[in-house]
PDB file of all heavy atoms in Angstrom:
ATOM      1  N   SER A   1      -7.235   4.524  -1.064  1.00  0.00           N
ATOM      2  CA  SER A   1      -5.830   4.522  -0.656  1.00  0.00           C
ATOM      3  C   SER A   1      -5.012   3.543  -1.481  1.00  0.00           C
ATOM      4  O   SER A   1      -3.878   3.835  -1.870  1.00  0.00           O
ATOM      5  CB  SER A   1      -5.709   4.178   0.824  1.00  0.00           C
ATOM      6  OG  SER A   1      -6.325   5.162   1.610  1.00  0.00           O
ATOM      7  N   ALA A   2      -5.573   2.383  -1.765  1.00  0.00           N
ATOM      8  CA  ALA A   2      -4.868   1.384  -2.572  1.00  0.00           C
ATOM      9  C   ALA A   2      -4.637   1.896  -3.985  1.00  0.00           C
ATOM     10  O   ALA A   2      -3.541   1.719  -4.552  1.00  0.00           O
ATOM     11  CB  ALA A   2      -5.649   0.077  -2.595  1.00  0.00           C
ATOM     12  N   ILE A   3      -5.640   2.540  -4.562  1.00  0.00           N
ATOM     13  CA  ILE A   3      -5.495   3.097  -5.906  1.00  0.00           C
ATOM     14  C   ILE A   3      -4.397   4.158  -5.921  1.00  0.00           C
ATOM     15  O   ILE A   3      -3.530   4.184  -6.809  1.00  0.00           O
ATOM     16  CB  ILE A   3      -6.834   3.679  -6.408  1.00  0.00           C
ATOM     17  CG1 ILE A   3      -7.848   2.557  -6.621  1.00  0.00           C
ATOM     18  CG2 ILE A   3      -6.638   4.465  -7.699  1.00  0.00           C
ATOM     19  CD1 ILE A   3      -9.271   3.047  -6.852  1.00  0.00           C
ATOM     20  N   ALA A   4      -4.408   5.046  -4.934  1.00  0.00           N
ATOM     21  CA  ALA A   4      -3.393   6.089  -4.841  1.00  0.00           C
ATOM     22  C   ALA A   4      -2.001   5.489  -4.661  1.00  0.00           C
ATOM     23  O   ALA A   4      -1.036   5.930  -5.300  1.00  0.00           O
ATOM     24  CB  ALA A   4      -3.702   7.038  -3.698  1.00  0.00           C
ATOM     25  N   LEU A   5      -1.891   4.475  -3.825  1.00  0.00           N
ATOM     26  CA  LEU A   5      -0.606   3.830  -3.581  1.00  0.00           C
ATOM     27  C   LEU A   5      -0.052   3.184  -4.839  1.00  0.00           C
ATOM     28  O   LEU A   5       1.149   3.281  -5.131  1.00  0.00           O
ATOM     29  CB  LEU A   5      -0.743   2.791  -2.462  1.00  0.00           C
ATOM     30  CG  LEU A   5       0.540   2.058  -2.073  1.00  0.00           C
ATOM     31  CD1 LEU A   5       1.564   3.050  -1.536  1.00  0.00           C
ATOM     32  CD2 LEU A   5       0.237   1.004  -1.039  1.00  0.00           C
ATOM     33  N   VAL A   6      -0.896   2.540  -5.609  1.00  0.00           N
ATOM     34  CA  VAL A   6      -0.446   1.915  -6.863  1.00  0.00           C
ATOM     35  C   VAL A   6       0.081   2.983  -7.819  1.00  0.00           C
ATOM     36  O   VAL A   6       1.135   2.813  -8.434  1.00  0.00           O
ATOM     37  CB  VAL A   6      -1.582   1.097  -7.516  1.00  0.00           C
ATOM     38  CG1 VAL A   6      -1.242   0.713  -8.930  1.00  0.00           C
ATOM     39  CG2 VAL A   6      -1.868  -0.152  -6.686  1.00  0.00           C
ATOM     40  N   GLY A   7      -0.639   4.091  -7.938  1.00  0.00           N
ATOM     41  CA  GLY A   7      -0.179   5.161  -8.823  1.00  0.00           C
ATOM     42  C   GLY A   7       1.166   5.723  -8.408  1.00  0.00           C
ATOM     43  O   GLY A   7       2.063   5.903  -9.228  1.00  0.00           O
ATOM     44  N   VAL A   8       1.319   6.003  -7.126  1.00  0.00           N
ATOM     45  CA  VAL A   8       2.581   6.550  -6.616  1.00  0.00           C
ATOM     46  C   VAL A   8       3.705   5.518  -6.753  1.00  0.00           C
ATOM     47  O   VAL A   8       4.833   5.852  -7.128  1.00  0.00           O
ATOM     48  CB  VAL A   8       2.419   7.014  -5.160  1.00  0.00           C
ATOM     49  CG1 VAL A   8       3.753   7.370  -4.535  1.00  0.00           C
ATOM     50  CG2 VAL A   8       1.477   8.198  -5.091  1.00  0.00           C
ATOM     51  N   ALA A   9       3.409   4.258  -6.466  1.00  0.00           N
ATOM     52  CA  ALA A   9       4.435   3.215  -6.553  1.00  0.00           C
ATOM     53  C   ALA A   9       4.917   3.020  -7.992  1.00  0.00           C
ATOM     54  O   ALA A   9       6.117   2.873  -8.228  1.00  0.00           O
ATOM     55  CB  ALA A   9       3.891   1.894  -6.009  1.00  0.00           C
ATOM     56  N   LEU A  10       3.990   3.022  -8.936  1.00  0.00           N
ATOM     57  CA  LEU A  10       4.392   2.884 -10.336  1.00  0.00           C
ATOM     58  C   LEU A  10       5.267   4.053 -10.779  1.00  0.00           C
ATOM     59  O   LEU A  10       6.238   3.872 -11.509  1.00  0.00           O
ATOM     60  CB  LEU A  10       3.168   2.760 -11.239  1.00  0.00           C
ATOM     61  CG  LEU A  10       2.399   1.451 -11.138  1.00  0.00           C
ATOM     62  CD1 LEU A  10       1.117   1.523 -11.955  1.00  0.00           C
ATOM     63  CD2 LEU A  10       3.255   0.275 -11.584  1.00  0.00           C
ATOM     64  N   HIS A  11       4.931   5.225 -10.308  1.00  0.00           N
ATOM     65  CA  HIS A  11       5.751   6.409 -10.633  1.00  0.00           C
ATOM     66  C   HIS A  11       7.139   6.277 -10.015  1.00  0.00           C
ATOM     67  O   HIS A  11       8.150   6.534 -10.670  1.00  0.00           O
ATOM     68  CB  HIS A  11       5.078   7.676 -10.146  1.00  0.00           C
ATOM     69  CG  HIS A  11       5.871   8.901 -10.410  1.00  0.00           C
ATOM     70  ND1 HIS A  11       5.765   9.618 -11.558  1.00  0.00           N
ATOM     71  CD2 HIS A  11       6.816   9.521  -9.664  1.00  0.00           C
ATOM     72  CE1 HIS A  11       6.599  10.644 -11.528  1.00  0.00           C
ATOM     73  NE2 HIS A  11       7.244  10.602 -10.370  1.00  0.00           N
ATOM     74  N   ALA A  12       7.196   5.877  -8.752  1.00  0.00           N
ATOM     75  CA  ALA A  12       8.466   5.768  -8.041  1.00  0.00           C
ATOM     76  C   ALA A  12       9.346   4.636  -8.585  1.00  0.00           C
ATOM     77  O   ALA A  12      10.563   4.794  -8.725  1.00  0.00           O
ATOM     78  CB  ALA A  12       8.229   5.572  -6.557  1.00  0.00           C
ATOM     79  N   LEU A  13       8.739   3.496  -8.877  1.00  0.00           N
ATOM     80  CA  LEU A  13       9.514   2.330  -9.294  1.00  0.00           C
ATOM     81  C   LEU A  13       9.946   2.379 -10.754  1.00  0.00           C
ATOM     82  O   LEU A  13      11.070   1.984 -11.082  1.00  0.00           O
ATOM     83  CB  LEU A  13       8.708   1.053  -9.046  1.00  0.00           C
ATOM     84  CG  LEU A  13       8.433   0.708  -7.590  1.00  0.00           C
ATOM     85  CD1 LEU A  13       7.483  -0.481  -7.489  1.00  0.00           C
ATOM     86  CD2 LEU A  13       9.742   0.408  -6.868  1.00  0.00           C
ATOM     87  N   PHE A  14       9.063   2.833 -11.609  1.00  0.00           N
ATOM     88  CA  PHE A  14       9.341   2.763 -13.044  1.00  0.00           C
ATOM     89  C   PHE A  14       9.490   4.130 -13.703  1.00  0.00           C
ATOM     90  O   PHE A  14       9.753   4.213 -14.898  1.00  0.00           O
ATOM     91  CB  PHE A  14       8.233   1.974 -13.761  1.00  0.00           C
ATOM     92  CG  PHE A  14       8.080   0.574 -13.248  1.00  0.00           C
ATOM     93  CD1 PHE A  14       6.958   0.217 -12.518  1.00  0.00           C
ATOM     94  CD2 PHE A  14       9.055  -0.381 -13.472  1.00  0.00           C
ATOM     95  CE1 PHE A  14       6.800  -1.072 -12.036  1.00  0.00           C
ATOM     96  CE2 PHE A  14       8.916  -1.670 -12.986  1.00  0.00           C
ATOM     97  CZ  PHE A  14       7.783  -2.015 -12.261  1.00  0.00           C
ATOM     98  N   GLY A  15       9.247   5.190 -12.948  1.00  0.00           N
ATOM     99  CA  GLY A  15       9.347   6.528 -13.509  1.00  0.00           C
ATOM    100  C   GLY A  15       8.208   6.894 -14.449  1.00  0.00           C
ATOM    101  O   GLY A  15       8.337   7.810 -15.245  1.00  0.00           O
ATOM    102  N   TRP A  16       7.119   6.160 -14.334  1.00  0.00           N
ATOM    103  CA  TRP A  16       5.955   6.442 -15.191  1.00  0.00           C
ATOM    104  C   TRP A  16       5.240   7.670 -14.647  1.00  0.00           C
ATOM    105  O   TRP A  16       4.419   7.587 -13.740  1.00  0.00           O
ATOM    106  CB  TRP A  16       4.999   5.255 -15.226  1.00  0.00           C
ATOM    107  CG  TRP A  16       5.579   4.023 -15.853  1.00  0.00           C
ATOM    108  CD1 TRP A  16       6.714   3.930 -16.597  1.00  0.00           C
ATOM    109  CD2 TRP A  16       5.049   2.712 -15.791  1.00  0.00           C
ATOM    110  NE1 TRP A  16       6.934   2.639 -17.001  1.00  0.00           N
ATOM    111  CE2 TRP A  16       5.903   1.861 -16.515  1.00  0.00           C
ATOM    112  CE3 TRP A  16       3.929   2.161 -15.191  1.00  0.00           C
ATOM    113  CZ2 TRP A  16       5.677   0.515 -16.664  1.00  0.00           C
ATOM    114  CZ3 TRP A  16       3.699   0.814 -15.333  1.00  0.00           C
ATOM    115  CH2 TRP A  16       4.561  -0.005 -16.066  1.00  0.00           C
ATOM    116  N   TRP A  17       5.530   8.830 -15.202  1.00  0.00           N
ATOM    117  CA  TRP A  17       4.972  10.089 -14.710  1.00  0.00           C
ATOM    118  C   TRP A  17       3.457  10.110 -14.803  1.00  0.00           C
ATOM    119  O   TRP A  17       2.794  10.803 -14.050  1.00  0.00           O
ATOM    120  CB  TRP A  17       5.556  11.273 -15.486  1.00  0.00           C
ATOM    121  CG  TRP A  17       5.229  11.225 -16.945  1.00  0.00           C
ATOM    122  CD1 TRP A  17       6.010  10.657 -17.926  1.00  0.00           C
ATOM    123  CD2 TRP A  17       4.059  11.713 -17.588  1.00  0.00           C
ATOM    124  NE1 TRP A  17       5.378  10.772 -19.129  1.00  0.00           N
ATOM    125  CE2 TRP A  17       4.174  11.421 -18.967  1.00  0.00           C
ATOM    126  CE3 TRP A  17       2.914  12.366 -17.143  1.00  0.00           C
ATOM    127  CZ2 TRP A  17       3.192  11.758 -19.873  1.00  0.00           C
ATOM    128  CZ3 TRP A  17       1.933  12.708 -18.054  1.00  0.00           C
ATOM    129  CH2 TRP A  17       2.088  12.413 -19.411  1.00  0.00           C
ATOM    130  N   TRP A  18       2.902   9.351 -15.699  1.00  0.00           N
ATOM    131  CA  TRP A  18       1.466   9.368 -15.954  1.00  0.00           C
ATOM    132  C   TRP A  18       0.683   8.441 -15.017  1.00  0.00           C
ATOM    133  O   TRP A  18      -0.545   8.493 -14.986  1.00  0.00           O
ATOM    134  CB  TRP A  18       1.168   8.974 -17.397  1.00  0.00           C
ATOM    135  CG  TRP A  18       1.891   7.729 -17.823  1.00  0.00           C
ATOM    136  CD1 TRP A  18       3.095   7.655 -18.451  1.00  0.00           C
ATOM    137  CD2 TRP A  18       1.475   6.368 -17.603  1.00  0.00           C
ATOM    138  NE1 TRP A  18       3.450   6.343 -18.657  1.00  0.00           N
ATOM    139  CE2 TRP A  18       2.468   5.531 -18.139  1.00  0.00           C
ATOM    140  CE3 TRP A  18       0.354   5.798 -17.020  1.00  0.00           C
ATOM    141  CZ2 TRP A  18       2.371   4.151 -18.090  1.00  0.00           C
ATOM    142  CZ3 TRP A  18       0.261   4.413 -16.965  1.00  0.00           C
ATOM    143  CH2 TRP A  18       1.268   3.608 -17.504  1.00  0.00           C
ATOM    144  N   ALA A  19       1.352   7.607 -14.245  1.00  0.00           N
ATOM    145  CA  ALA A  19       0.655   6.621 -13.412  1.00  0.00           C
ATOM    146  C   ALA A  19      -0.147   7.289 -12.285  1.00  0.00           C
ATOM    147  O   ALA A  19      -1.268   6.862 -11.993  1.00  0.00           O
ATOM    148  CB  ALA A  19       1.645   5.625 -12.825  1.00  0.00           C
ATOM    149  N   ASP A  20       0.418   8.310 -11.676  1.00  0.00           N
ATOM    150  CA  ASP A  20      -0.293   8.975 -10.580  1.00  0.00           C
ATOM    151  C   ASP A  20      -1.543   9.708 -11.080  1.00  0.00           C
ATOM    152  O   ASP A  20      -2.615   9.551 -10.481  1.00  0.00           O
ATOM    153  CB  ASP A  20       0.667   9.926  -9.858  1.00  0.00           C
ATOM    154  CG  ASP A  20       0.140  10.399  -8.524  1.00  0.00           C
ATOM    155  OD1 ASP A  20      -0.624   9.654  -7.891  1.00  0.00           O
ATOM    156  OD2 ASP A  20       0.500  11.516  -8.110  1.00  0.00           O
ATOM    157  N   PRO A  21      -1.474  10.476 -12.181  1.00  0.00           N
ATOM    158  CA  PRO A  21      -2.706  11.096 -12.686  1.00  0.00           C
ATOM    159  C   PRO A  21      -3.755  10.072 -13.135  1.00  0.00           C
ATOM    160  O   PRO A  21      -4.955  10.285 -12.953  1.00  0.00           O
ATOM    161  CB  PRO A  21      -2.232  11.947 -13.867  1.00  0.00           C
ATOM    162  CG  PRO A  21      -0.795  12.185 -13.630  1.00  0.00           C
ATOM    163  CD  PRO A  21      -0.298  10.996 -12.880  1.00  0.00           C
ATOM    164  N   VAL A  22      -3.323   8.957 -13.702  1.00  0.00           N
ATOM    165  CA  VAL A  22      -4.274   7.918 -14.105  1.00  0.00           C
ATOM    166  C   VAL A  22      -4.947   7.317 -12.875  1.00  0.00           C
ATOM    167  O   VAL A  22      -6.160   7.058 -12.886  1.00  0.00           O
ATOM    168  CB  VAL A  22      -3.578   6.827 -14.964  1.00  0.00           C
ATOM    169  CG1 VAL A  22      -4.466   5.616 -15.146  1.00  0.00           C
ATOM    170  CG2 VAL A  22      -3.171   7.406 -16.312  1.00  0.00           C
ATOM    171  N   ALA A  23      -4.194   7.124 -11.815  1.00  0.00           N
ATOM    172  CA  ALA A  23      -4.786   6.611 -10.569  1.00  0.00           C
ATOM    173  C   ALA A  23      -5.814   7.602 -10.031  1.00  0.00           C
ATOM    174  O   ALA A  23      -6.891   7.195  -9.570  1.00  0.00           O
ATOM    175  CB  ALA A  23      -3.688   6.364  -9.532  1.00  0.00           C
ATOM    176  N   ALA A  24      -5.496   8.897 -10.108  1.00  0.00           N
ATOM    177  CA  ALA A  24      -6.453   9.900  -9.653  1.00  0.00           C
ATOM    178  C   ALA A  24      -7.732   9.859 -10.493  1.00  0.00           C
ATOM    179  O   ALA A  24      -8.842   9.956  -9.961  1.00  0.00           O
ATOM    180  CB  ALA A  24      -5.824  11.288  -9.717  1.00  0.00           C
TER     181      ALA A  24
END
């Protein structure tokens, strides 16, 4: 859950589209 949250948060805060797939 923490890994998923970091990926989603990075995408939401900075617009890094690749953060969520990298977290996955």
